N, C-alpha and C. Protein backbone atom coordinates (compact mmCIF):
# COMPACT_ATOMS: atom_id res chain seq x y z
N MET A 1 6.09 -0.47 35.42
CA MET A 1 6.70 0.35 34.06
C MET A 1 5.95 -0.30 32.80
N THR A 2 5.49 0.52 32.02
CA THR A 2 5.10 0.31 30.64
C THR A 2 5.85 0.44 29.71
N ARG A 3 6.66 -0.82 29.09
CA ARG A 3 7.55 -0.67 27.76
C ARG A 3 7.21 -1.59 27.16
N ALA A 4 8.10 -1.19 25.65
CA ALA A 4 8.10 -2.52 24.91
C ALA A 4 9.47 -2.54 24.22
N GLU A 5 10.03 -3.68 24.01
CA GLU A 5 11.41 -4.40 23.43
C GLU A 5 11.60 -4.65 22.45
N PHE A 6 12.23 -4.01 21.39
CA PHE A 6 12.43 -4.74 20.16
C PHE A 6 13.74 -5.00 20.09
N HIS A 7 13.95 -6.66 19.32
CA HIS A 7 15.63 -6.99 18.74
C HIS A 7 14.93 -7.65 17.64
N CYS A 8 16.12 -7.27 16.91
CA CYS A 8 16.29 -7.63 15.69
C CYS A 8 17.59 -9.02 15.49
N ASP A 9 17.11 -9.84 14.86
CA ASP A 9 18.43 -10.64 14.64
C ASP A 9 17.94 -10.94 13.30
N CYS A 10 19.12 -9.82 12.56
CA CYS A 10 19.45 -9.46 11.29
C CYS A 10 19.82 -10.75 10.71
N ASP A 11 20.45 -11.69 10.54
CA ASP A 11 21.21 -13.02 10.15
C ASP A 11 19.44 -13.79 9.98
N LEU A 12 18.50 -13.95 10.87
CA LEU A 12 17.63 -14.55 10.69
C LEU A 12 16.67 -13.84 9.95
N ALA A 13 16.39 -12.54 10.29
CA ALA A 13 15.46 -11.75 9.36
C ALA A 13 14.24 -11.90 10.50
N SER A 14 14.54 -11.57 11.30
CA SER A 14 13.00 -11.63 12.45
C SER A 14 13.50 -10.52 13.58
N ILE A 15 12.12 -10.15 13.88
CA ILE A 15 11.75 -9.50 14.86
C ILE A 15 11.36 -10.17 16.38
N ASP A 16 12.06 -9.72 17.37
CA ASP A 16 11.09 -10.05 18.72
C ASP A 16 10.87 -8.96 19.37
N VAL A 17 9.59 -9.07 19.74
CA VAL A 17 9.04 -8.07 20.47
C VAL A 17 9.09 -8.65 22.11
N ARG A 18 8.87 -7.62 23.10
CA ARG A 18 8.52 -8.37 24.50
C ARG A 18 7.82 -7.24 24.65
N VAL A 19 6.75 -7.33 25.84
CA VAL A 19 6.00 -6.11 26.34
C VAL A 19 5.88 -6.30 27.62
N GLU A 20 5.59 -5.38 28.85
CA GLU A 20 5.39 -5.22 30.04
C GLU A 20 4.79 -4.46 30.22
N SER A 21 3.99 -4.40 31.37
CA SER A 21 3.48 -3.73 32.00
C SER A 21 3.03 -4.00 33.62
N GLY A 22 3.35 -3.52 34.26
CA GLY A 22 3.32 -4.13 35.64
C GLY A 22 4.04 -5.53 35.71
N ALA A 23 3.32 -6.34 36.26
CA ALA A 23 3.24 -7.78 36.43
C ALA A 23 2.96 -8.38 35.13
N PHE A 24 2.13 -7.87 34.25
CA PHE A 24 1.67 -8.25 32.76
C PHE A 24 2.75 -8.36 31.78
N ARG A 25 2.92 -9.38 31.13
CA ARG A 25 4.36 -9.41 30.04
C ARG A 25 3.82 -10.77 29.10
N GLY A 26 4.49 -10.42 27.84
CA GLY A 26 4.19 -11.03 26.65
C GLY A 26 5.43 -10.89 25.91
N SER A 27 5.60 -12.09 24.70
CA SER A 27 6.52 -11.91 24.02
C SER A 27 6.00 -12.41 22.84
N THR A 28 6.75 -12.31 21.48
CA THR A 28 6.61 -12.76 20.07
C THR A 28 7.91 -12.87 19.28
N THR A 29 8.02 -13.44 18.61
CA THR A 29 9.10 -13.19 17.30
C THR A 29 8.44 -13.79 15.83
N VAL A 30 8.63 -12.85 15.16
CA VAL A 30 8.29 -12.91 13.98
C VAL A 30 9.20 -12.55 12.18
N THR A 31 8.82 -13.72 11.83
CA THR A 31 10.28 -13.74 10.53
C THR A 31 9.44 -12.35 9.73
N LEU A 32 10.79 -11.50 8.94
CA LEU A 32 9.95 -10.96 8.45
C LEU A 32 10.50 -11.16 6.89
N HIS A 33 9.63 -10.87 6.10
CA HIS A 33 9.69 -11.11 4.61
C HIS A 33 9.65 -9.56 3.81
N GLU A 34 10.36 -9.57 2.52
CA GLU A 34 10.38 -8.27 1.86
C GLU A 34 8.71 -7.41 1.92
N ASP A 35 7.61 -8.28 1.75
CA ASP A 35 6.50 -7.44 1.92
C ASP A 35 6.40 -7.05 3.34
N ASP A 36 6.72 -7.56 4.44
CA ASP A 36 6.74 -6.88 5.65
C ASP A 36 7.50 -6.01 5.91
N VAL A 37 8.68 -5.78 5.63
CA VAL A 37 9.46 -4.62 5.53
C VAL A 37 8.99 -3.72 4.76
N ARG A 38 8.26 -3.95 3.52
CA ARG A 38 7.88 -2.36 2.62
C ARG A 38 6.56 -1.91 3.73
N ARG A 39 5.71 -2.68 4.39
CA ARG A 39 4.57 -2.37 5.09
C ARG A 39 5.08 -1.64 6.69
N LEU A 40 6.18 -2.07 6.87
CA LEU A 40 6.61 -1.52 8.09
C LEU A 40 7.32 0.16 7.94
N ARG A 41 7.93 0.22 6.47
CA ARG A 41 8.18 1.10 6.15
C ARG A 41 7.22 2.56 5.88
N ARG A 42 5.84 1.78 5.33
CA ARG A 42 5.22 2.59 5.08
C ARG A 42 4.33 3.33 6.44
N PHE A 43 4.28 2.40 7.31
CA PHE A 43 4.08 2.63 8.67
C PHE A 43 4.86 3.83 9.28
N LEU A 44 6.17 3.59 9.26
CA LEU A 44 7.07 4.66 9.31
C LEU A 44 6.74 5.78 8.91
N SER A 45 6.38 5.71 7.46
CA SER A 45 6.47 7.16 6.82
C SER A 45 4.79 7.82 7.49
N ASP A 46 4.14 6.74 7.42
CA ASP A 46 2.91 7.83 8.08
C ASP A 46 2.96 8.19 9.61
N LEU A 47 3.86 8.08 10.80
CA LEU A 47 4.40 8.00 11.60
C LEU A 47 5.26 9.51 11.86
N ALA A 48 5.39 9.96 10.41
CA ALA A 48 6.16 11.16 10.40
C ALA A 48 5.03 12.00 9.82
N ALA A 49 3.82 11.77 9.98
CA ALA A 49 2.98 12.89 9.23
C ALA A 49 2.29 13.72 10.43
N TYR A 50 1.92 14.78 10.68
CA TYR A 50 1.49 15.59 11.49
C TYR A 50 0.17 16.33 11.00
N PRO A 51 -1.28 16.38 11.85
CA PRO A 51 -0.97 15.77 12.85
C PRO A 51 -1.09 13.84 12.44
N LEU A 52 -0.89 13.20 13.49
CA LEU A 52 -0.80 11.74 13.30
C LEU A 52 -1.91 10.87 12.79
N PRO A 53 -1.97 10.27 11.65
CA PRO A 53 -3.27 9.67 10.90
C PRO A 53 -3.31 8.28 12.26
N HIS A 54 -4.39 8.00 12.07
CA HIS A 54 -4.58 6.39 12.75
C HIS A 54 -3.70 5.55 11.36
N SER A 55 -2.73 4.65 12.46
CA SER A 55 -1.65 3.96 11.66
C SER A 55 -1.88 2.80 12.17
N THR A 56 -1.79 1.67 11.39
CA THR A 56 -1.82 0.20 11.67
C THR A 56 -0.92 -0.61 10.82
N VAL A 57 0.03 -1.37 11.51
CA VAL A 57 0.71 -2.74 10.67
C VAL A 57 0.85 -3.76 11.40
N GLU A 58 0.84 -4.77 10.81
CA GLU A 58 0.74 -6.22 10.93
C GLU A 58 1.59 -6.80 10.54
N ILE A 59 2.19 -7.79 11.50
CA ILE A 59 3.47 -8.87 10.75
C ILE A 59 2.88 -10.36 11.24
N ALA A 60 2.83 -11.05 10.88
CA ALA A 60 1.69 -11.91 11.10
C ALA A 60 2.01 -13.53 10.35
N GLU A 61 3.90 -13.88 11.07
CA GLU A 61 4.55 -15.37 10.23
C GLU A 61 5.55 -15.77 11.37
N PRO A 62 5.78 -16.56 12.07
CA PRO A 62 4.53 -17.41 12.41
C PRO A 62 3.38 -17.13 13.46
N ALA A 63 4.13 -15.85 14.29
CA ALA A 63 3.14 -15.43 15.68
C ALA A 63 2.58 -14.08 14.82
N ALA A 64 2.33 -13.00 15.77
CA ALA A 64 1.93 -11.77 14.82
C ALA A 64 2.28 -10.73 16.11
N ILE A 65 2.47 -9.40 15.25
CA ILE A 65 3.08 -8.51 15.96
C ILE A 65 2.21 -7.43 15.26
N ILE A 66 0.82 -6.73 16.11
CA ILE A 66 0.27 -5.36 15.44
C ILE A 66 0.81 -4.33 16.64
N LEU A 67 1.23 -3.14 15.55
CA LEU A 67 1.65 -1.97 15.95
C LEU A 67 0.40 -1.15 15.54
N VAL A 68 -0.29 -0.28 16.47
CA VAL A 68 -1.22 0.84 16.33
C VAL A 68 -0.95 1.95 17.01
N ALA A 69 -0.74 3.32 15.94
CA ALA A 69 -0.26 4.44 16.42
C ALA A 69 -1.26 5.51 16.20
N SER A 70 -1.69 6.35 17.43
CA SER A 70 -3.05 7.06 16.92
C SER A 70 -2.89 8.33 18.08
N GLN A 71 -3.50 9.35 17.88
CA GLN A 71 -3.69 10.27 19.00
C GLN A 71 -4.71 9.73 20.00
N SER A 72 -4.38 9.93 21.14
CA SER A 72 -5.28 9.39 22.10
C SER A 72 -5.94 10.43 23.05
N ASP A 73 -6.13 11.77 22.56
CA ASP A 73 -7.33 12.67 23.12
C ASP A 73 -6.69 14.18 21.90
N ARG A 74 -7.80 15.19 22.20
CA ARG A 74 -7.98 16.11 21.73
C ARG A 74 -6.46 17.03 21.71
N VAL A 75 -6.03 16.80 22.72
CA VAL A 75 -4.73 17.76 23.43
C VAL A 75 -3.61 17.38 22.60
N GLY A 76 -3.36 16.06 21.97
CA GLY A 76 -2.24 15.89 21.34
C GLY A 76 -1.33 14.83 22.18
N HIS A 77 -1.76 14.25 23.11
CA HIS A 77 -1.37 13.10 23.47
C HIS A 77 -1.60 11.96 22.37
N LEU A 78 -0.31 11.00 22.40
CA LEU A 78 -0.19 9.61 21.52
C LEU A 78 -0.46 8.69 22.01
N GLN A 79 -0.43 7.62 21.46
CA GLN A 79 -0.53 6.48 22.21
C GLN A 79 -0.14 5.39 20.77
N LEU A 80 1.04 4.22 21.25
CA LEU A 80 1.23 3.23 20.61
C LEU A 80 0.79 2.06 21.34
N LEU A 81 -0.10 1.27 20.51
CA LEU A 81 -0.30 0.14 21.34
C LEU A 81 0.58 -1.07 20.62
N VAL A 82 0.76 -1.71 21.05
CA VAL A 82 1.74 -2.80 20.72
C VAL A 82 1.15 -4.21 21.52
N GLU A 83 0.67 -5.10 20.43
CA GLU A 83 0.51 -6.47 20.54
C GLU A 83 1.28 -7.49 19.89
N VAL A 84 1.27 -8.30 20.95
CA VAL A 84 1.97 -9.43 20.71
C VAL A 84 1.59 -10.63 20.62
N SER A 85 1.30 -11.73 19.94
CA SER A 85 0.59 -12.62 20.02
C SER A 85 1.10 -14.48 18.93
N ASP A 86 1.00 -15.39 19.64
CA ASP A 86 1.34 -16.77 19.16
C ASP A 86 -0.09 -17.93 18.85
N ARG A 87 -0.30 -18.43 18.81
CA ARG A 87 -1.47 -19.43 18.35
C ARG A 87 -2.27 -19.52 19.56
N LEU A 88 -1.58 -19.13 20.83
CA LEU A 88 -2.53 -19.37 22.04
C LEU A 88 -2.01 -18.49 22.88
N LEU A 89 -1.81 -17.49 23.07
CA LEU A 89 -1.76 -16.32 23.54
C LEU A 89 -1.72 -15.15 23.15
N MET A 90 -2.02 -13.93 23.61
CA MET A 90 -2.11 -12.74 23.29
C MET A 90 -1.47 -11.52 24.38
N ALA A 91 -0.98 -10.56 24.14
CA ALA A 91 -0.51 -9.85 25.21
C ALA A 91 -0.60 -8.26 24.46
N ARG A 92 -1.24 -7.34 24.85
CA ARG A 92 -1.58 -6.04 24.29
C ARG A 92 -1.51 -4.96 25.23
N ILE A 93 -0.20 -4.13 24.94
CA ILE A 93 -0.16 -2.87 26.08
C ILE A 93 -0.24 -1.36 25.02
N ALA A 94 -0.90 -0.39 25.86
CA ALA A 94 -0.61 0.57 25.28
C ALA A 94 0.21 1.93 26.19
N ILE A 95 1.04 2.40 25.11
CA ILE A 95 2.18 3.33 25.56
C ILE A 95 1.83 4.43 25.40
N ARG A 96 1.52 5.54 26.46
CA ARG A 96 1.49 7.01 26.19
C ARG A 96 2.60 7.65 25.68
N LEU A 97 2.43 8.59 24.72
CA LEU A 97 3.98 8.90 24.02
C LEU A 97 3.31 10.68 23.53
N ASP A 98 4.80 11.12 23.70
CA ASP A 98 4.64 12.54 23.27
C ASP A 98 5.22 12.72 21.71
N HIS A 99 5.11 13.63 21.21
CA HIS A 99 5.52 13.49 19.75
C HIS A 99 7.30 13.45 19.66
N ALA A 100 8.04 13.63 20.65
CA ALA A 100 9.64 13.25 20.85
C ALA A 100 9.45 11.83 20.62
N GLY A 101 8.45 11.19 21.70
CA GLY A 101 8.82 9.85 21.99
C GLY A 101 8.23 9.31 20.91
N LEU A 102 7.38 9.19 19.83
CA LEU A 102 7.15 8.79 18.62
C LEU A 102 8.09 8.74 17.77
N GLU A 103 8.37 10.07 17.38
CA GLU A 103 9.70 10.09 16.55
C GLU A 103 10.77 9.43 16.45
N LEU A 104 10.93 8.98 18.18
CA LEU A 104 12.17 8.29 18.35
C LEU A 104 12.29 6.60 18.14
N PHE A 105 10.99 6.14 18.25
CA PHE A 105 10.23 5.41 18.01
C PHE A 105 10.64 4.59 16.50
N ARG A 106 9.96 5.83 15.78
CA ARG A 106 9.97 6.20 14.40
C ARG A 106 11.72 6.03 13.45
N LEU A 107 12.52 6.84 14.57
CA LEU A 107 13.90 6.27 13.99
C LEU A 107 14.60 5.16 14.58
N GLN A 108 14.17 4.63 15.46
CA GLN A 108 14.90 3.48 15.88
C GLN A 108 14.45 2.47 15.29
N LEU A 109 13.09 2.21 14.71
CA LEU A 109 12.42 1.06 13.94
C LEU A 109 13.12 1.32 12.55
N GLY A 110 13.30 2.39 11.91
CA GLY A 110 13.83 2.35 10.70
C GLY A 110 15.48 2.02 10.83
N LYS A 111 15.91 2.52 11.58
CA LYS A 111 17.32 1.99 11.85
C LYS A 111 17.42 0.71 12.19
N MET A 112 16.42 -0.31 12.59
CA MET A 112 16.49 -1.57 12.76
C MET A 112 16.44 -2.61 11.27
N LEU A 113 15.00 -1.89 10.60
CA LEU A 113 14.96 -2.13 9.44
C LEU A 113 16.23 -2.29 8.42
N ASP A 114 17.01 -1.27 8.66
CA ASP A 114 18.24 -0.75 8.04
C ASP A 114 19.39 -1.79 8.44
N GLY A 115 19.50 -2.18 9.54
CA GLY A 115 20.24 -3.43 10.09
C GLY A 115 21.25 -2.54 11.22
N GLU A 116 21.12 -1.40 11.34
CA GLU A 116 22.08 -0.06 12.19
C GLU A 116 21.94 -0.64 13.75
N LEU A 117 20.53 -1.02 14.00
CA LEU A 117 20.10 -0.94 15.48
C LEU A 117 19.62 -2.63 15.93
N GLU A 118 20.50 -3.35 16.64
CA GLU A 118 19.68 -4.62 17.30
C GLU A 118 18.67 -4.59 18.01
N THR A 119 18.73 -3.44 18.96
CA THR A 119 17.78 -3.44 20.36
C THR A 119 17.33 -2.15 20.43
N PHE A 120 16.25 -1.66 20.95
CA PHE A 120 15.94 -0.67 21.41
C PHE A 120 14.56 -0.75 22.16
N GLU A 121 14.09 0.05 23.15
CA GLU A 121 12.78 -0.03 24.03
C GLU A 121 11.84 1.29 23.91
N VAL A 122 10.66 1.28 24.17
CA VAL A 122 10.01 2.47 24.18
C VAL A 122 9.36 2.28 25.26
N MET A 123 9.38 3.51 26.01
CA MET A 123 8.51 3.52 27.39
C MET A 123 7.40 4.37 27.28
N GLN A 124 6.66 4.35 28.23
CA GLN A 124 5.45 5.27 28.70
C GLN A 124 5.80 6.60 29.14
N SER A 125 5.71 7.63 27.96
CA SER A 125 6.12 9.12 28.54
C SER A 125 5.54 9.61 29.58
N THR A 126 6.38 10.13 30.37
CA THR A 126 5.87 10.88 31.71
C THR A 126 5.03 12.57 31.70
N THR A 127 5.02 12.70 30.33
CA THR A 127 4.39 14.36 30.08
C THR A 127 2.94 13.72 30.11
């Protein structure tokens, strides 16, 4: 199963991201600053566009989380690339999504930034 789990510790203003694809796993935690939150909100705004533009956001302190959303083909399939890394290790997975799955991700990450949601996960679409 290919999935990414997001967990927010609002007291510490941090996000922990864990990725998994089969036996392949990785995780990291980043501290969110005001500029990071602004960039994440801009990324979420980009995800609402149709057709989906190639959109990227990177949060890099003290480790790194990179999120990339893009169309994966001309038929309309979408892809969310989730990369987590620290100073020594890096893990990257690609999650195939449909438009409903990407919209759910956008809404859940937005709620997390608003402090309304602590944990959610994104899983590979079966369509």
